[in-house]
Amino acid sequence: MKKLFIPFILVLGLISCNKQEKKVLVPENKDTTSVKDMSPQDLEIKSMCYVGNTGKDSVFVSLDDNLGTVTGKIFYKNNEKDSSKGDVVGFKSGDTLKLTYEFKSEGTTSKRDIFFLQKDDKLIEGIGNVKEENGQTMYADEKKIVYKDGGTLEKADCLIVMRALK
């Protein structure tokens, strides 16, 4: 009996030490309960940078997308009025980034909603009526936001954008 016990323990030890790469199962953002296989590369944070110019005014945007949760920084560099620089946090809904921009301008800290349509390596800023609620400027009606008249930002080299954001 002892002769069978030792090989049995060794076999169990070898089986438990055998490591295999496993796929992570993450539920999809759909109304179904299906699950999609994702490799570890799919779980990486995706960084994106954009620049836009209107006349002598510029906008620099750096965003990190972590499975739909978006964080980053924005710098509105205005020529003849006060500039603003701050952080954004929000989420991705379809092709729209719904962000809250917390920034400093004229010595005060403010918060406002800012939505971007993400299309063809560009960001198009949403334009709409706003309201003030709990010290934050928000869109009055998200369904009435128009993107065709908003400023367009082009995908840019993140090294250039990060220098502007410092």
C-alpha atoms as a PDB file:
ATOM      1  CA  MET A   1       0.000   0.000   0.000  1.00  0.00           C
ATOM      2  CA  LYS A   2       2.842   2.400   0.876  1.00  0.00           C
ATOM      3  CA  LYS A   3       4.426   1.676  -2.507  1.00  0.00           C
ATOM      4  CA  LEU A   4       1.309   2.959  -4.321  1.00  0.00           C
ATOM      5  CA  PHE A   5       0.828   5.958  -2.070  1.00  0.00           C
ATOM      6  CA  ILE A   6       4.151   7.715  -2.878  1.00  0.00           C
ATOM      7  CA  PRO A   7       3.770   7.563  -6.718  1.00  0.00           C
ATOM      8  CA  PHE A   8       0.155   8.706  -6.371  1.00  0.00           C
ATOM      9  CA  ILE A   9       1.263  11.808  -4.399  1.00  0.00           C
ATOM     10  CA  LEU A  10       3.978  12.566  -6.979  1.00  0.00           C
ATOM     11  CA  VAL A  11       1.493  12.366  -9.863  1.00  0.00           C
ATOM     12  CA  LEU A  12      -0.920  14.712  -8.051  1.00  0.00           C
ATOM     13  CA  GLY A  13       1.925  17.154  -7.413  1.00  0.00           C
ATOM     14  CA  LEU A  14       2.932  17.175 -11.085  1.00  0.00           C
ATOM     15  CA  ILE A  15      -0.636  17.711 -12.253  1.00  0.00           C
ATOM     16  CA  SER A  16      -1.205  20.631  -9.876  1.00  0.00           C
ATOM     17  CA  CYS A  17       2.076  22.291 -10.955  1.00  0.00           C
ATOM     18  CA  ASN A  18       1.231  22.099 -14.658  1.00  0.00           C
ATOM     19  CA  LYS A  19       0.465  25.732 -15.548  1.00  0.00           C
ATOM     20  CA  GLN A  20      -1.538  26.688 -18.603  1.00  0.00           C
ATOM     21  CA  GLU A  21      -2.386  30.093 -20.079  1.00  0.00           C
ATOM     22  CA  LYS A  22      -6.039  30.750 -19.418  1.00  0.00           C
ATOM     23  CA  LYS A  23      -8.425  33.096 -21.155  1.00  0.00           C
ATOM     24  CA  VAL A  24     -10.375  35.591 -19.101  1.00  0.00           C
ATOM     25  CA  LEU A  25     -14.122  35.596 -19.607  1.00  0.00           C
ATOM     26  CA  VAL A  26     -15.698  39.045 -19.581  1.00  0.00           C
ATOM     27  CA  PRO A  27     -19.401  39.682 -20.156  1.00  0.00           C
ATOM     28  CA  GLU A  28     -20.215  41.779 -23.202  1.00  0.00           C
ATOM     29  CA  ASN A  29     -22.059  45.078 -22.844  1.00  0.00           C
ATOM     30  CA  LYS A  30     -25.208  43.823 -24.507  1.00  0.00           C
ATOM     31  CA  ASP A  31     -28.653  42.880 -23.324  1.00  0.00           C
ATOM     32  CA  THR A  32     -27.780  39.198 -23.671  1.00  0.00           C
ATOM     33  CA  THR A  33     -25.987  37.013 -21.174  1.00  0.00           C
ATOM     34  CA  SER A  34     -23.381  35.790 -23.665  1.00  0.00           C
ATOM     35  CA  VAL A  35     -19.713  35.836 -22.712  1.00  0.00           C
ATOM     36  CA  LYS A  36     -16.799  36.700 -24.970  1.00  0.00           C
ATOM     37  CA  ASP A  37     -13.322  35.180 -24.677  1.00  0.00           C
ATOM     38  CA  MET A  38     -10.638  37.802 -24.135  1.00  0.00           C
ATOM     39  CA  SER A  39      -6.886  37.354 -24.180  1.00  0.00           C
ATOM     40  CA  PRO A  40      -4.626  39.295 -21.785  1.00  0.00           C
ATOM     41  CA  GLN A  41      -3.753  41.684 -24.661  1.00  0.00           C
ATOM     42  CA  ASP A  42      -7.426  42.693 -24.876  1.00  0.00           C
ATOM     43  CA  LEU A  43      -7.288  43.835 -21.256  1.00  0.00           C
ATOM     44  CA  GLU A  44      -4.574  46.432 -21.863  1.00  0.00           C
ATOM     45  CA  ILE A  45      -5.359  50.114 -21.376  1.00  0.00           C
ATOM     46  CA  LYS A  46      -5.609  51.879 -24.730  1.00  0.00           C
ATOM     47  CA  SER A  47      -4.091  55.378 -24.838  1.00  0.00           C
ATOM     48  CA  MET A  48      -5.224  57.935 -27.401  1.00  0.00           C
ATOM     49  CA  CYS A  49      -4.110  61.509 -28.025  1.00  0.00           C
ATOM     50  CA  TYR A  50      -5.744  64.257 -30.074  1.00  0.00           C
ATOM     51  CA  VAL A  51      -5.065  67.855 -31.113  1.00  0.00           C
ATOM     52  CA  GLY A  52      -7.439  70.442 -32.524  1.00  0.00           C
ATOM     53  CA  ASN A  53      -7.006  74.008 -33.762  1.00  0.00           C
ATOM     54  CA  THR A  54      -9.527  76.752 -34.364  1.00  0.00           C
ATOM     55  CA  GLY A  55      -7.856  79.963 -35.464  1.00  0.00           C
ATOM     56  CA  LYS A  56      -5.178  80.657 -32.842  1.00  0.00           C
ATOM     57  CA  ASP A  57      -6.832  78.450 -30.213  1.00  0.00           C
ATOM     58  CA  SER A  58      -5.686  74.870 -29.600  1.00  0.00           C
ATOM     59  CA  VAL A  59      -6.984  71.830 -27.734  1.00  0.00           C
ATOM     60  CA  PHE A  60      -4.787  68.969 -26.494  1.00  0.00           C
ATOM     61  CA  VAL A  61      -6.410  65.732 -25.287  1.00  0.00           C
ATOM     62  CA  SER A  62      -4.852  62.597 -23.797  1.00  0.00           C
ATOM     63  CA  LEU A  63      -7.220  59.697 -22.984  1.00  0.00           C
ATOM     64  CA  ASP A  64      -6.844  56.219 -21.534  1.00  0.00           C
ATOM     65  CA  ASP A  65      -9.596  53.684 -22.241  1.00  0.00           C
ATOM     66  CA  ASN A  66      -9.700  50.835 -19.743  1.00  0.00           C
ATOM     67  CA  LEU A  67     -12.523  48.550 -20.976  1.00  0.00           C
ATOM     68  CA  GLY A  68     -14.888  51.489 -21.470  1.00  0.00           C
ATOM     69  CA  THR A  69     -13.850  53.562 -18.448  1.00  0.00           C
ATOM     70  CA  VAL A  70     -12.127  56.660 -19.803  1.00  0.00           C
ATOM     71  CA  THR A  71      -9.713  58.929 -17.921  1.00  0.00           C
ATOM     72  CA  GLY A  72      -7.324  61.598 -19.130  1.00  0.00           C
ATOM     73  CA  LYS A  73      -6.352  65.243 -19.418  1.00  0.00           C
ATOM     74  CA  ILE A  74      -7.474  68.188 -21.553  1.00  0.00           C
ATOM     75  CA  PHE A  75      -5.801  71.550 -22.164  1.00  0.00           C
ATOM     76  CA  TYR A  76      -7.764  74.308 -23.907  1.00  0.00           C
ATOM     77  CA  LYS A  77      -5.074  76.809 -24.941  1.00  0.00           C
ATOM     78  CA  ASN A  78      -6.958  79.957 -25.918  1.00  0.00           C
ATOM     79  CA  ASN A  79      -5.333  82.948 -27.583  1.00  0.00           C
ATOM     80  CA  GLU A  80      -7.361  85.941 -26.335  1.00  0.00           C
ATOM     81  CA  LYS A  81      -9.165  84.519 -23.319  1.00  0.00           C
ATOM     82  CA  ASP A  82      -8.291  82.398 -20.318  1.00  0.00           C
ATOM     83  CA  SER A  83      -7.092  78.878 -21.004  1.00  0.00           C
ATOM     84  CA  SER A  84      -8.118  75.861 -18.955  1.00  0.00           C
ATOM     85  CA  LYS A  85      -6.394  72.621 -18.025  1.00  0.00           C
ATOM     86  CA  GLY A  86      -7.730  69.652 -16.109  1.00  0.00           C
ATOM     87  CA  ASP A  87      -8.725  66.035 -15.787  1.00  0.00           C
ATOM     88  CA  VAL A  88     -11.529  64.074 -17.434  1.00  0.00           C
ATOM     89  CA  VAL A  89     -13.260  60.931 -16.271  1.00  0.00           C
ATOM     90  CA  GLY A  90     -16.202  59.105 -17.780  1.00  0.00           C
ATOM     91  CA  PHE A  91     -17.171  56.216 -19.975  1.00  0.00           C
ATOM     92  CA  LYS A  92     -17.584  55.125 -23.556  1.00  0.00           C
ATOM     93  CA  SER A  93     -21.136  54.524 -24.783  1.00  0.00           C
ATOM     94  CA  GLY A  94     -21.082  53.154 -28.323  1.00  0.00           C
ATOM     95  CA  ASP A  95     -19.041  55.664 -30.330  1.00  0.00           C
ATOM     96  CA  THR A  96     -19.557  58.495 -27.808  1.00  0.00           C
ATOM     97  CA  LEU A  97     -17.226  59.465 -24.970  1.00  0.00           C
ATOM     98  CA  LYS A  98     -19.278  60.907 -22.085  1.00  0.00           C
ATOM     99  CA  LEU A  99     -16.824  62.734 -19.874  1.00  0.00           C
ATOM    100  CA  THR A 100     -16.799  65.116 -16.928  1.00  0.00           C
ATOM    101  CA  TYR A 101     -14.077  67.753 -17.237  1.00  0.00           C
ATOM    102  CA  GLU A 102     -12.738  69.171 -13.948  1.00  0.00           C
ATOM    103  CA  PHE A 103     -10.492  72.117 -14.657  1.00  0.00           C
ATOM    104  CA  LYS A 104      -8.906  75.266 -13.285  1.00  0.00           C
ATOM    105  CA  SER A 105      -9.453  78.589 -14.974  1.00  0.00           C
ATOM    106  CA  GLU A 106      -9.258  82.134 -13.638  1.00  0.00           C
ATOM    107  CA  GLY A 107      -8.229  80.779 -10.230  1.00  0.00           C
ATOM    108  CA  THR A 108     -11.336  78.651  -9.676  1.00  0.00           C
ATOM    109  CA  THR A 109     -12.056  74.958 -10.109  1.00  0.00           C
ATOM    110  CA  SER A 110     -15.060  74.042 -12.255  1.00  0.00           C
ATOM    111  CA  LYS A 111     -16.748  70.921 -13.601  1.00  0.00           C
ATOM    112  CA  ARG A 112     -18.614  70.471 -16.847  1.00  0.00           C
ATOM    113  CA  ASP A 113     -19.832  67.678 -19.064  1.00  0.00           C
ATOM    114  CA  ILE A 114     -18.056  67.280 -22.351  1.00  0.00           C
ATOM    115  CA  PHE A 115     -19.064  64.644 -24.904  1.00  0.00           C
ATOM    116  CA  PHE A 116     -17.062  63.589 -27.947  1.00  0.00           C
ATOM    117  CA  LEU A 117     -18.149  61.517 -30.920  1.00  0.00           C
ATOM    118  CA  GLN A 118     -15.288  59.160 -31.824  1.00  0.00           C
ATOM    119  CA  LYS A 119     -15.202  58.683 -35.597  1.00  0.00           C
ATOM    120  CA  ASP A 120     -12.443  57.806 -38.109  1.00  0.00           C
ATOM    121  CA  ASP A 121      -9.517  58.563 -35.738  1.00  0.00           C
ATOM    122  CA  LYS A 122     -11.138  61.906 -34.847  1.00  0.00           C
ATOM    123  CA  LEU A 123     -13.010  63.353 -31.899  1.00  0.00           C
ATOM    124  CA  ILE A 124     -15.910  65.701 -32.579  1.00  0.00           C
ATOM    125  CA  GLU A 125     -17.047  67.770 -29.601  1.00  0.00           C
ATOM    126  CA  GLY A 126     -20.750  67.790 -28.828  1.00  0.00           C
ATOM    127  CA  ILE A 127     -22.656  71.081 -28.729  1.00  0.00           C
ATOM    128  CA  GLY A 128     -25.892  71.473 -26.777  1.00  0.00           C
ATOM    129  CA  ASN A 129     -27.854  73.503 -24.267  1.00  0.00           C
ATOM    130  CA  VAL A 130     -26.463  73.320 -20.749  1.00  0.00           C
ATOM    131  CA  LYS A 131     -27.779  73.673 -17.226  1.00  0.00           C
ATOM    132  CA  GLU A 132     -26.127  74.218 -13.859  1.00  0.00           C
ATOM    133  CA  GLU A 133     -26.714  71.450 -11.306  1.00  0.00           C
ATOM    134  CA  ASN A 134     -24.887  70.988  -7.974  1.00  0.00           C
ATOM    135  CA  GLY A 135     -22.057  73.270  -9.097  1.00  0.00           C
ATOM    136  CA  GLN A 136     -21.516  71.401 -12.357  1.00  0.00           C
ATOM    137  CA  THR A 137     -22.394  72.453 -15.894  1.00  0.00           C
ATOM    138  CA  MET A 138     -24.269  69.614 -17.584  1.00  0.00           C
ATOM    139  CA  TYR A 139     -26.023  69.073 -20.886  1.00  0.00           C
ATOM    140  CA  ALA A 140     -29.716  69.932 -20.502  1.00  0.00           C
ATOM    141  CA  ASP A 141     -30.801  67.094 -22.816  1.00  0.00           C
ATOM    142  CA  GLU A 142     -28.292  64.505 -24.045  1.00  0.00           C
ATOM    143  CA  LYS A 143     -30.600  63.555 -26.933  1.00  0.00           C
ATOM    144  CA  LYS A 144     -30.318  67.067 -28.396  1.00  0.00           C
ATOM    145  CA  ILE A 145     -26.516  67.222 -28.543  1.00  0.00           C
ATOM    146  CA  VAL A 146     -25.263  68.058 -32.047  1.00  0.00           C
ATOM    147  CA  TYR A 147     -21.820  66.949 -33.211  1.00  0.00           C
ATOM    148  CA  LYS A 148     -21.655  68.318 -36.772  1.00  0.00           C
ATOM    149  CA  ASP A 149     -20.920  71.879 -35.557  1.00  0.00           C
ATOM    150  CA  GLY A 150     -18.462  70.885 -32.823  1.00  0.00           C
ATOM    151  CA  GLY A 151     -14.721  71.287 -32.926  1.00  0.00           C
ATOM    152  CA  THR A 152     -12.846  68.399 -34.554  1.00  0.00           C
ATOM    153  CA  LEU A 153      -9.691  66.979 -33.040  1.00  0.00           C
ATOM    154  CA  GLU A 154      -7.282  64.812 -35.042  1.00  0.00           C
ATOM    155  CA  LYS A 155      -5.344  61.836 -33.677  1.00  0.00           C
ATOM    156  CA  ALA A 156      -1.841  62.991 -32.685  1.00  0.00           C
ATOM    157  CA  ASP A 157       1.485  61.750 -31.347  1.00  0.00           C
ATOM    158  CA  CYS A 158       1.115  61.310 -27.585  1.00  0.00           C
ATOM    159  CA  LEU A 159       4.637  62.640 -26.920  1.00  0.00           C
ATOM    160  CA  ILE A 160       3.668  66.019 -28.397  1.00  0.00           C
ATOM    161  CA  VAL A 161       0.361  66.106 -26.534  1.00  0.00           C
ATOM    162  CA  MET A 162       1.963  65.136 -23.215  1.00  0.00           C
ATOM    163  CA  ARG A 163       4.472  68.015 -23.536  1.00  0.00           C
ATOM    164  CA  ALA A 164       1.579  70.462 -23.966  1.00  0.00           C
ATOM    165  CA  LEU A 165      -0.282  68.981 -20.985  1.00  0.00           C
ATOM    166  CA  LYS A 166       2.634  69.511 -18.545  1.00  0.00           C
END
